Amino acid sequence: MFRDKTLFYKKGYKYWVTRPYRIKLDIHPSKILYISFKTVDLKGNIVEIPMVTLNPSGLLIVYPSYVWDGASGPTWDTKNSMIGSLIHDVIYQLIRLGFIDSNYKEYADKILHDLCEADGMYSCRARLWWLAVTLFGRNAIKPSSEHLEEVAP
């Protein structure tokens, strides 16, 4: 039997964006920021797949192919937490990758609260989520928290 002896993968994701999602943020970088995934097509050509763009106007676009893990911690994902957790994760990733300053953590935590509440989450639950990420989210913005490639076996 022919097969590769190793598999390269990343773990820690649960959800996959299937259509572009747009939101205007109060983050205005001096130039357009990109997060993309590079892969190879069937002919061996390198293909770059956009996952996130953030324009100087503050327009954030999350493209199909972006993956995130939903809410972290001792909680559960619900429909009213999906957008908040997505945007929160994107902003944290922009911080981890060094695209924006770590001072945006506070903004990311607030927007998580505001989006969840706007999408129908009970105020007390949204407030608890805000408190949790405010108190315990500092490690999640460190570059070492970026999901790394793993190898099996």
N, C-alpha and C. Protein backbone atom coordinates (compact mmCIF):
# COMPACT_ATOMS: atom_id res chain seq x y z
N MET A 1 0.85 -1.17 0.00
CA MET A 1 0.00 0.00 0.00
C MET A 1 0.89 1.24 0.00
N PHE A 2 0.61 2.16 -0.92
CA PHE A 2 1.32 3.43 -0.96
C PHE A 2 0.54 4.45 -0.16
N ARG A 3 1.24 5.19 0.68
CA ARG A 3 0.63 6.32 1.40
C ARG A 3 1.73 7.17 1.99
N ASP A 4 1.40 8.44 2.25
CA ASP A 4 2.31 9.28 3.01
C ASP A 4 2.33 8.77 4.44
N LYS A 5 3.48 8.84 5.04
CA LYS A 5 3.61 8.35 6.41
C LYS A 5 3.18 9.38 7.45
N THR A 6 3.05 10.63 7.04
CA THR A 6 2.67 11.67 8.00
C THR A 6 1.52 12.50 7.46
N LEU A 7 0.75 13.04 8.36
CA LEU A 7 -0.35 13.94 8.06
C LEU A 7 -0.06 15.25 8.79
N PHE A 8 -0.16 16.35 8.08
CA PHE A 8 0.03 17.67 8.68
C PHE A 8 -1.34 18.33 8.82
N TYR A 9 -1.63 18.87 10.00
CA TYR A 9 -2.96 19.42 10.25
C TYR A 9 -2.89 20.45 11.38
N LYS A 10 -4.01 21.17 11.54
CA LYS A 10 -4.18 22.06 12.68
C LYS A 10 -5.46 21.66 13.38
N LYS A 11 -5.47 21.76 14.70
CA LYS A 11 -6.68 21.45 15.45
C LYS A 11 -7.16 22.69 16.19
N GLY A 12 -8.38 22.60 16.72
CA GLY A 12 -8.90 23.69 17.52
C GLY A 12 -10.00 24.49 16.85
N TYR A 13 -10.46 24.07 15.67
CA TYR A 13 -11.50 24.82 14.98
C TYR A 13 -12.79 24.01 14.93
N LYS A 14 -13.92 24.71 14.98
CA LYS A 14 -15.22 24.05 14.92
C LYS A 14 -16.09 24.56 13.77
N TYR A 15 -15.93 25.82 13.40
CA TYR A 15 -16.85 26.44 12.45
C TYR A 15 -16.11 26.98 11.25
N TRP A 16 -16.81 27.02 10.10
CA TRP A 16 -16.23 27.44 8.84
C TRP A 16 -17.19 28.45 8.20
N VAL A 17 -16.72 29.66 7.90
CA VAL A 17 -17.53 30.67 7.23
C VAL A 17 -17.78 30.19 5.79
N THR A 18 -19.04 30.23 5.34
CA THR A 18 -19.37 29.74 4.00
C THR A 18 -19.76 30.85 3.02
N ARG A 19 -20.01 32.05 3.51
CA ARG A 19 -20.29 33.22 2.67
C ARG A 19 -19.60 34.42 3.30
N PRO A 20 -19.21 35.40 2.49
CA PRO A 20 -18.53 36.56 3.07
C PRO A 20 -19.38 37.23 4.15
N TYR A 21 -18.72 37.66 5.22
CA TYR A 21 -19.37 38.41 6.28
C TYR A 21 -18.67 39.75 6.39
N ARG A 22 -19.45 40.83 6.39
CA ARG A 22 -18.91 42.19 6.43
C ARG A 22 -19.38 42.91 7.69
N ILE A 23 -18.46 43.69 8.26
CA ILE A 23 -18.81 44.51 9.42
C ILE A 23 -17.86 45.71 9.44
N LYS A 24 -18.40 46.85 9.81
CA LYS A 24 -17.59 48.07 9.93
C LYS A 24 -17.11 48.18 11.38
N LEU A 25 -15.79 48.24 11.55
CA LEU A 25 -15.19 48.31 12.87
C LEU A 25 -14.56 49.67 13.11
N ASP A 26 -14.28 49.96 14.37
CA ASP A 26 -13.55 51.17 14.73
C ASP A 26 -12.06 50.86 14.82
N ILE A 27 -11.57 50.15 13.83
CA ILE A 27 -10.14 49.87 13.69
C ILE A 27 -9.77 50.35 12.29
N HIS A 28 -8.82 51.27 12.21
CA HIS A 28 -8.47 51.89 10.93
C HIS A 28 -6.97 51.77 10.67
N PRO A 29 -6.56 50.63 10.10
CA PRO A 29 -5.13 50.47 9.81
C PRO A 29 -4.69 51.44 8.71
N SER A 30 -3.40 51.72 8.64
CA SER A 30 -2.89 52.66 7.64
C SER A 30 -2.92 52.07 6.23
N LYS A 31 -2.97 50.75 6.13
CA LYS A 31 -3.07 50.07 4.83
C LYS A 31 -3.95 48.84 5.00
N ILE A 32 -4.40 48.29 3.90
CA ILE A 32 -5.27 47.11 3.96
C ILE A 32 -4.50 45.93 4.55
N LEU A 33 -5.15 45.21 5.45
CA LEU A 33 -4.55 44.05 6.10
C LEU A 33 -5.18 42.78 5.53
N TYR A 34 -4.37 41.76 5.31
CA TYR A 34 -4.84 40.49 4.75
C TYR A 34 -4.42 39.34 5.62
N ILE A 35 -5.33 38.41 5.85
CA ILE A 35 -4.97 37.08 6.33
C ILE A 35 -5.39 36.15 5.21
N SER A 36 -4.47 35.33 4.75
CA SER A 36 -4.79 34.42 3.66
C SER A 36 -4.18 33.06 3.92
N PHE A 37 -4.64 32.10 3.15
CA PHE A 37 -4.15 30.73 3.23
C PHE A 37 -3.54 30.39 1.88
N LYS A 38 -2.33 29.87 1.88
CA LYS A 38 -1.68 29.48 0.63
C LYS A 38 -1.74 27.96 0.49
N THR A 39 -2.11 27.53 -0.71
CA THR A 39 -2.19 26.11 -1.00
C THR A 39 -1.71 25.89 -2.43
N VAL A 40 -1.80 24.67 -2.91
CA VAL A 40 -1.35 24.32 -4.25
C VAL A 40 -2.51 23.68 -5.00
N ASP A 41 -2.75 24.12 -6.24
CA ASP A 41 -3.82 23.51 -7.03
C ASP A 41 -3.34 22.21 -7.67
N LEU A 42 -4.21 21.56 -8.45
CA LEU A 42 -3.89 20.27 -9.05
C LEU A 42 -2.73 20.33 -10.03
N LYS A 43 -2.46 21.51 -10.58
CA LYS A 43 -1.35 21.66 -11.53
C LYS A 43 -0.05 22.08 -10.83
N GLY A 44 -0.08 22.21 -9.52
CA GLY A 44 1.11 22.59 -8.78
C GLY A 44 1.30 24.08 -8.63
N ASN A 45 0.31 24.87 -9.05
CA ASN A 45 0.39 26.33 -8.92
C ASN A 45 0.01 26.75 -7.51
N ILE A 46 0.74 27.73 -6.98
CA ILE A 46 0.40 28.26 -5.66
C ILE A 46 -0.85 29.14 -5.79
N VAL A 47 -1.80 28.88 -4.91
CA VAL A 47 -3.05 29.62 -4.88
C VAL A 47 -3.18 30.26 -3.51
N GLU A 48 -3.50 31.54 -3.48
CA GLU A 48 -3.70 32.24 -2.22
C GLU A 48 -5.19 32.47 -2.02
N ILE A 49 -5.72 31.96 -0.93
CA ILE A 49 -7.15 32.06 -0.63
C ILE A 49 -7.33 33.10 0.47
N PRO A 50 -8.07 34.18 0.18
CA PRO A 50 -8.27 35.20 1.21
C PRO A 50 -9.16 34.67 2.33
N MET A 51 -8.81 35.01 3.56
CA MET A 51 -9.63 34.65 4.71
C MET A 51 -10.20 35.88 5.40
N VAL A 52 -9.40 36.95 5.49
CA VAL A 52 -9.83 38.18 6.16
C VAL A 52 -9.16 39.37 5.49
N THR A 53 -9.91 40.44 5.29
CA THR A 53 -9.32 41.73 4.93
C THR A 53 -9.88 42.79 5.88
N LEU A 54 -9.03 43.73 6.24
CA LEU A 54 -9.44 44.88 7.03
C LEU A 54 -8.92 46.12 6.31
N ASN A 55 -9.86 46.94 5.85
CA ASN A 55 -9.52 48.14 5.09
C ASN A 55 -9.28 49.33 6.01
N PRO A 56 -8.54 50.34 5.53
CA PRO A 56 -8.34 51.56 6.33
C PRO A 56 -9.65 52.23 6.76
N SER A 57 -10.73 52.00 6.02
CA SER A 57 -12.03 52.56 6.40
C SER A 57 -12.64 51.83 7.60
N GLY A 58 -12.06 50.69 7.98
CA GLY A 58 -12.60 49.90 9.08
C GLY A 58 -13.46 48.74 8.62
N LEU A 59 -13.65 48.61 7.30
CA LEU A 59 -14.46 47.51 6.79
C LEU A 59 -13.70 46.20 6.92
N LEU A 60 -14.25 45.30 7.71
CA LEU A 60 -13.68 43.96 7.87
C LEU A 60 -14.53 43.00 7.04
N ILE A 61 -13.87 42.20 6.22
CA ILE A 61 -14.55 41.16 5.46
C ILE A 61 -13.93 39.83 5.85
N VAL A 62 -14.79 38.92 6.31
CA VAL A 62 -14.37 37.57 6.64
C VAL A 62 -14.89 36.69 5.50
N TYR A 63 -13.97 36.01 4.83
CA TYR A 63 -14.31 35.27 3.62
C TYR A 63 -14.61 33.81 3.91
N PRO A 64 -15.34 33.17 2.96
CA PRO A 64 -15.50 31.72 3.07
C PRO A 64 -14.11 31.09 3.14
N SER A 65 -13.95 30.15 3.98
CA SER A 65 -12.70 29.44 4.26
C SER A 65 -12.15 29.83 5.63
N TYR A 66 -12.62 30.94 6.22
CA TYR A 66 -12.14 31.29 7.55
C TYR A 66 -12.76 30.32 8.56
N VAL A 67 -11.95 29.82 9.47
CA VAL A 67 -12.42 28.91 10.50
C VAL A 67 -12.17 29.52 11.87
N TRP A 68 -13.06 29.22 12.81
CA TRP A 68 -12.88 29.70 14.18
C TRP A 68 -13.49 28.68 15.13
N ASP A 69 -13.24 28.85 16.42
CA ASP A 69 -13.64 27.83 17.38
C ASP A 69 -14.85 28.19 18.22
N GLY A 70 -15.55 29.27 17.87
CA GLY A 70 -16.71 29.65 18.67
C GLY A 70 -16.27 30.14 20.04
N ALA A 71 -17.16 30.05 20.98
CA ALA A 71 -16.89 30.52 22.33
C ALA A 71 -15.94 29.56 23.04
N SER A 72 -15.03 30.11 23.81
CA SER A 72 -14.10 29.30 24.60
C SER A 72 -14.53 29.31 26.06
N GLY A 73 -14.06 28.34 26.79
CA GLY A 73 -14.34 28.32 28.22
C GLY A 73 -15.53 27.46 28.56
N PRO A 74 -15.98 27.57 29.79
CA PRO A 74 -17.09 26.72 30.25
C PRO A 74 -18.44 27.31 29.82
N THR A 75 -18.73 27.23 28.53
CA THR A 75 -19.99 27.75 27.99
C THR A 75 -20.38 26.92 26.79
N TRP A 76 -21.41 27.33 26.11
CA TRP A 76 -21.85 26.63 24.91
C TRP A 76 -22.11 27.66 23.82
N ASP A 77 -21.99 27.20 22.58
CA ASP A 77 -22.25 28.06 21.44
C ASP A 77 -23.74 28.09 21.15
N THR A 78 -24.26 29.28 20.87
CA THR A 78 -25.66 29.44 20.49
C THR A 78 -25.69 30.37 19.28
N LYS A 79 -26.82 30.41 18.61
CA LYS A 79 -26.96 31.26 17.42
C LYS A 79 -26.61 32.71 17.73
N ASN A 80 -26.98 33.18 18.94
CA ASN A 80 -26.73 34.58 19.28
C ASN A 80 -25.30 34.85 19.72
N SER A 81 -24.45 33.82 19.69
CA SER A 81 -23.04 34.04 20.03
C SER A 81 -22.12 33.87 18.82
N MET A 82 -22.65 33.43 17.70
CA MET A 82 -21.80 33.07 16.57
C MET A 82 -21.07 34.28 15.97
N ILE A 83 -21.78 35.35 15.67
CA ILE A 83 -21.14 36.52 15.05
C ILE A 83 -20.18 37.18 16.03
N GLY A 84 -20.61 37.34 17.27
CA GLY A 84 -19.73 37.93 18.27
C GLY A 84 -18.44 37.14 18.44
N SER A 85 -18.55 35.82 18.53
CA SER A 85 -17.34 35.01 18.71
C SER A 85 -16.46 35.04 17.46
N LEU A 86 -17.09 35.08 16.28
CA LEU A 86 -16.32 35.17 15.03
C LEU A 86 -15.49 36.45 14.99
N ILE A 87 -16.13 37.58 15.18
CA ILE A 87 -15.43 38.86 15.08
C ILE A 87 -14.40 38.99 16.21
N HIS A 88 -14.74 38.54 17.39
CA HIS A 88 -13.79 38.54 18.51
C HIS A 88 -12.55 37.72 18.15
N ASP A 89 -12.76 36.53 17.60
CA ASP A 89 -11.63 35.68 17.21
C ASP A 89 -10.79 36.31 16.11
N VAL A 90 -11.44 36.95 15.13
CA VAL A 90 -10.69 37.61 14.05
C VAL A 90 -9.82 38.73 14.61
N ILE A 91 -10.37 39.56 15.47
CA ILE A 91 -9.59 40.67 16.03
C ILE A 91 -8.44 40.13 16.87
N TYR A 92 -8.70 39.12 17.70
CA TYR A 92 -7.62 38.52 18.47
C TYR A 92 -6.53 37.96 17.54
N GLN A 93 -6.94 37.33 16.43
CA GLN A 93 -5.93 36.80 15.51
C GLN A 93 -5.12 37.92 14.86
N LEU A 94 -5.77 39.02 14.50
CA LEU A 94 -5.04 40.16 13.95
C LEU A 94 -4.01 40.67 14.96
N ILE A 95 -4.36 40.65 16.24
CA ILE A 95 -3.40 41.04 17.29
C ILE A 95 -2.27 40.02 17.37
N ARG A 96 -2.62 38.72 17.44
CA ARG A 96 -1.59 37.67 17.55
C ARG A 96 -0.59 37.72 16.40
N LEU A 97 -1.08 38.02 15.21
CA LEU A 97 -0.21 38.05 14.03
C LEU A 97 0.58 39.36 13.93
N GLY A 98 0.32 40.31 14.82
CA GLY A 98 1.05 41.56 14.83
C GLY A 98 0.54 42.58 13.82
N PHE A 99 -0.64 42.37 13.27
CA PHE A 99 -1.21 43.31 12.30
C PHE A 99 -1.79 44.55 12.97
N ILE A 100 -2.31 44.38 14.18
CA ILE A 100 -2.82 45.52 14.94
C ILE A 100 -2.28 45.44 16.36
N ASP A 101 -2.32 46.55 17.05
CA ASP A 101 -1.76 46.67 18.40
C ASP A 101 -2.59 45.88 19.42
N SER A 102 -1.94 45.41 20.45
CA SER A 102 -2.62 44.64 21.50
C SER A 102 -3.62 45.50 22.28
N ASN A 103 -3.54 46.81 22.15
CA ASN A 103 -4.52 47.68 22.80
C ASN A 103 -5.94 47.45 22.27
N TYR A 104 -6.07 46.80 21.11
CA TYR A 104 -7.39 46.51 20.54
C TYR A 104 -8.08 45.34 21.25
N LYS A 105 -7.40 44.69 22.20
CA LYS A 105 -8.03 43.62 22.96
C LYS A 105 -9.29 44.12 23.65
N GLU A 106 -9.19 45.27 24.29
CA GLU A 106 -10.34 45.84 24.99
C GLU A 106 -11.51 46.08 24.03
N TYR A 107 -11.20 46.58 22.84
CA TYR A 107 -12.23 46.80 21.82
C TYR A 107 -12.84 45.46 21.39
N ALA A 108 -12.00 44.45 21.17
CA ALA A 108 -12.50 43.12 20.77
C ALA A 108 -13.44 42.56 21.84
N ASP A 109 -13.08 42.72 23.10
CA ASP A 109 -13.91 42.21 24.18
C ASP A 109 -15.25 42.94 24.24
N LYS A 110 -15.22 44.24 24.01
CA LYS A 110 -16.46 45.03 24.02
C LYS A 110 -17.35 44.66 22.84
N ILE A 111 -16.74 44.47 21.67
CA ILE A 111 -17.56 44.16 20.49
C ILE A 111 -18.16 42.76 20.61
N LEU A 112 -17.47 41.84 21.29
CA LEU A 112 -18.06 40.53 21.56
C LEU A 112 -19.36 40.72 22.36
N HIS A 113 -19.28 41.48 23.42
CA HIS A 113 -20.46 41.76 24.25
C HIS A 113 -21.56 42.41 23.42
N ASP A 114 -21.21 43.47 22.69
CA ASP A 114 -22.22 44.25 21.97
C ASP A 114 -22.90 43.43 20.88
N LEU A 115 -22.13 42.65 20.12
CA LEU A 115 -22.72 41.84 19.05
C LEU A 115 -23.61 40.73 19.61
N CYS A 116 -23.16 40.08 20.66
CA CYS A 116 -23.97 39.01 21.26
C CYS A 116 -25.29 39.57 21.78
N GLU A 117 -25.22 40.68 22.46
CA GLU A 117 -26.44 41.30 22.99
C GLU A 117 -27.36 41.76 21.86
N ALA A 118 -26.78 42.37 20.82
CA ALA A 118 -27.58 42.82 19.67
C ALA A 118 -28.24 41.64 18.95
N ASP A 119 -27.61 40.48 19.00
CA ASP A 119 -28.16 39.29 18.34
C ASP A 119 -29.10 38.49 19.23
N GLY A 120 -29.43 39.03 20.41
CA GLY A 120 -30.46 38.42 21.24
C GLY A 120 -29.99 37.70 22.48
N MET A 121 -28.70 37.75 22.79
CA MET A 121 -28.22 37.10 24.00
C MET A 121 -28.70 37.91 25.21
N TYR A 122 -29.09 37.22 26.27
CA TYR A 122 -29.47 37.91 27.49
C TYR A 122 -28.33 38.80 27.97
N SER A 123 -28.67 39.97 28.44
CA SER A 123 -27.67 40.95 28.87
C SER A 123 -26.72 40.39 29.92
N CYS A 124 -27.26 39.65 30.88
CA CYS A 124 -26.39 39.14 31.95
C CYS A 124 -25.40 38.11 31.39
N ARG A 125 -25.83 37.29 30.43
CA ARG A 125 -24.91 36.32 29.82
C ARG A 125 -23.84 37.04 29.01
N ALA A 126 -24.23 38.04 28.22
CA ALA A 126 -23.26 38.81 27.43
C ALA A 126 -22.27 39.51 28.36
N ARG A 127 -22.76 40.01 29.47
CA ARG A 127 -21.87 40.68 30.44
C ARG A 127 -20.89 39.68 31.07
N LEU A 128 -21.34 38.47 31.36
CA LEU A 128 -20.45 37.44 31.90
C LEU A 128 -19.37 37.06 30.87
N TRP A 129 -19.76 36.96 29.61
CA TRP A 129 -18.79 36.66 28.56
C TRP A 129 -17.76 37.77 28.48
N TRP A 130 -18.23 39.02 28.52
CA TRP A 130 -17.30 40.16 28.47
C TRP A 130 -16.34 40.09 29.65
N LEU A 131 -16.86 39.82 30.82
CA LEU A 131 -16.03 39.73 32.02
C LEU A 131 -15.00 38.61 31.88
N ALA A 132 -15.40 37.46 31.36
CA ALA A 132 -14.49 36.32 31.20
C ALA A 132 -13.34 36.65 30.25
N VAL A 133 -13.64 37.24 29.08
CA VAL A 133 -12.55 37.54 28.15
C VAL A 133 -11.70 38.70 28.64
N THR A 134 -12.31 39.62 29.37
CA THR A 134 -11.55 40.73 29.93
C THR A 134 -10.54 40.21 30.96
N LEU A 135 -10.98 39.30 31.81
CA LEU A 135 -10.12 38.79 32.87
C LEU A 135 -9.16 37.70 32.40
N PHE A 136 -9.60 36.85 31.48
CA PHE A 136 -8.81 35.66 31.15
C PHE A 136 -8.35 35.57 29.69
N GLY A 137 -8.62 36.58 28.88
CA GLY A 137 -8.28 36.50 27.47
C GLY A 137 -6.89 36.96 27.08
N ARG A 138 -6.13 37.44 28.03
CA ARG A 138 -4.81 38.01 27.72
C ARG A 138 -3.89 37.01 27.00
N ASN A 139 -3.89 35.75 27.41
CA ASN A 139 -3.03 34.76 26.76
C ASN A 139 -3.43 34.51 25.30
N ALA A 140 -4.70 34.67 24.99
CA ALA A 140 -5.19 34.38 23.64
C ALA A 140 -4.73 35.39 22.60
N ILE A 141 -4.17 36.52 23.02
CA ILE A 141 -3.65 37.48 22.03
C ILE A 141 -2.15 37.34 21.83
N LYS A 142 -1.52 36.43 22.57
CA LYS A 142 -0.08 36.22 22.41
C LYS A 142 0.19 35.43 21.13
N PRO A 143 1.26 35.76 20.41
CA PRO A 143 1.59 35.01 19.19
C PRO A 143 1.69 33.50 19.43
N SER A 144 2.10 33.09 20.60
CA SER A 144 2.23 31.65 20.89
C SER A 144 0.88 30.94 20.94
N SER A 145 -0.22 31.69 20.96
CA SER A 145 -1.56 31.08 20.98
C SER A 145 -2.09 30.78 19.59
N GLU A 146 -1.38 31.21 18.55
CA GLU A 146 -1.81 30.90 17.18
C GLU A 146 -1.73 29.39 16.98
N HIS A 147 -2.75 28.83 16.34
CA HIS A 147 -2.77 27.38 16.11
C HIS A 147 -1.59 26.99 15.24
N LEU A 148 -0.83 26.02 15.69
CA LEU A 148 0.36 25.58 14.99
C LEU A 148 0.09 24.29 14.23
N GLU A 149 0.89 24.08 13.21
CA GLU A 149 0.79 22.84 12.46
C GLU A 149 1.24 21.68 13.33
N GLU A 150 0.51 20.59 13.26
CA GLU A 150 0.87 19.38 13.99
C GLU A 150 1.11 18.26 13.00
N VAL A 151 1.73 17.20 13.48
CA VAL A 151 2.09 16.08 12.63
C VAL A 151 1.60 14.78 13.27
N ALA A 152 1.01 13.91 12.45
CA ALA A 152 0.60 12.59 12.93
C ALA A 152 1.20 11.53 12.01
N PRO A 153 1.60 10.39 12.42
CA PRO A 153 1.63 9.98 13.82
C PRO A 153 2.78 10.62 14.56
